[in-house]
């Protein structure tokens, strides 16, 4: 269930319909596999979940600032969206 919720959240973040344009994160010398791994780990660190008594489910939140701090700590720099 959590994996499904994470997949939905990742999809929603990728689409970004109503969200402001997100920066492009880059790191000199980082390959595609390393970038994807780091982004996935930082996404996991930036997710928070709380139990929702009404729906008996979990409500997830995403801390964009925490995500950015995590990537910066790994040597990534934010570039303006294209």
Protein backbone atom coordinates (compact mmCIF):
# COMPACT_ATOMS: atom_id res chain seq x y z
CA UNK A 1 0.00 0.00 0.00
CA UNK A 2 2.79 2.42 0.91
CA UNK A 3 4.58 1.59 -2.35
CA UNK A 4 1.42 2.42 -4.28
CA UNK A 5 1.05 5.74 -2.46
CA UNK A 6 4.71 6.55 -3.15
CA UNK A 7 4.24 5.73 -6.84
CA UNK A 8 1.20 7.99 -7.03
CA UNK A 9 3.08 10.80 -5.31
CA UNK A 10 6.08 10.46 -7.58
CA UNK A 11 3.77 10.54 -10.59
CA UNK A 12 2.00 13.63 -9.29
CA UNK A 13 5.31 15.36 -8.67
CA UNK A 14 6.51 14.50 -12.15
CA UNK A 15 3.39 15.91 -13.78
CA UNK A 16 3.24 18.99 -11.59
CA UNK A 17 -0.04 20.22 -13.05
CA UNK A 18 -0.82 22.98 -10.58
CA UNK A 19 2.54 23.11 -8.88
CA UNK A 20 5.13 25.78 -9.59
CA UNK A 21 7.95 24.73 -11.89
CA UNK A 22 10.49 22.72 -9.96
CA UNK A 23 14.23 23.19 -10.33
CA UNK A 24 16.45 20.77 -12.18
CA UNK A 25 19.01 19.21 -9.85
CA UNK A 26 22.48 18.51 -11.24
CA UNK A 27 25.79 17.30 -9.87
CA UNK A 28 29.04 17.31 -11.79
CA UNK A 29 30.17 13.78 -12.54
CA UNK A 30 26.93 12.14 -11.38
CA UNK A 31 25.53 9.56 -13.77
CA UNK A 32 21.85 8.94 -14.41
CA UNK A 33 21.71 5.92 -12.07
CA UNK A 34 23.33 7.83 -9.19
CA UNK A 35 21.01 10.83 -9.72
CA UNK A 36 17.91 8.65 -9.71
CA UNK A 37 19.08 6.81 -6.58
CA UNK A 38 19.83 10.06 -4.74
CA UNK A 39 16.52 11.62 -5.78
CA UNK A 40 14.58 8.55 -4.65
CA UNK A 41 16.35 8.52 -1.27
CA UNK A 42 15.76 12.26 -0.77
CA UNK A 43 12.12 11.88 -1.79
CA UNK A 44 11.71 9.18 0.82
CA UNK A 45 13.35 11.42 3.44
CA UNK A 46 11.03 14.32 2.51
CA UNK A 47 7.82 12.28 2.75
CA UNK A 48 5.81 12.39 5.90
CA UNK A 49 2.74 10.36 6.72
CA UNK A 50 0.05 10.67 9.33
CA UNK A 51 -2.92 8.47 10.10
CA UNK A 52 -6.25 9.92 9.02
CA UNK A 53 -8.98 8.76 11.39
CA UNK A 54 -11.81 9.57 8.95
CA UNK A 55 -10.54 7.52 6.04
CA UNK A 56 -8.63 4.98 8.14
CA UNK A 57 -5.72 5.55 5.80
CA UNK A 58 -2.49 7.47 5.72
CA UNK A 59 -2.20 11.03 4.46
CA UNK A 60 1.19 11.80 2.94
CA UNK A 61 2.87 15.17 2.75
CA UNK A 62 5.96 16.24 0.84
CA UNK A 63 8.46 18.72 2.30
CA UNK A 64 10.02 20.41 -0.73
CA UNK A 65 12.55 22.26 1.44
CA UNK A 66 13.72 19.01 3.07
CA UNK A 67 14.05 17.43 -0.38
CA UNK A 68 16.25 20.29 -1.57
CA UNK A 69 18.41 20.22 1.57
CA UNK A 70 18.93 16.48 1.13
CA UNK A 71 20.08 16.88 -2.48
CA UNK A 72 22.31 19.84 -1.62
CA UNK A 73 23.95 17.79 1.14
CA UNK A 74 24.81 15.21 -1.55
CA UNK A 75 26.47 17.84 -3.74
CA UNK A 76 23.61 18.73 -6.11
CA UNK A 77 22.86 22.28 -7.24
CA UNK A 78 19.44 23.55 -8.24
CA UNK A 79 19.20 24.97 -11.74
CA UNK A 80 16.22 27.12 -12.81
CA UNK A 81 13.52 25.17 -14.66
CA UNK A 82 13.76 25.22 -18.42
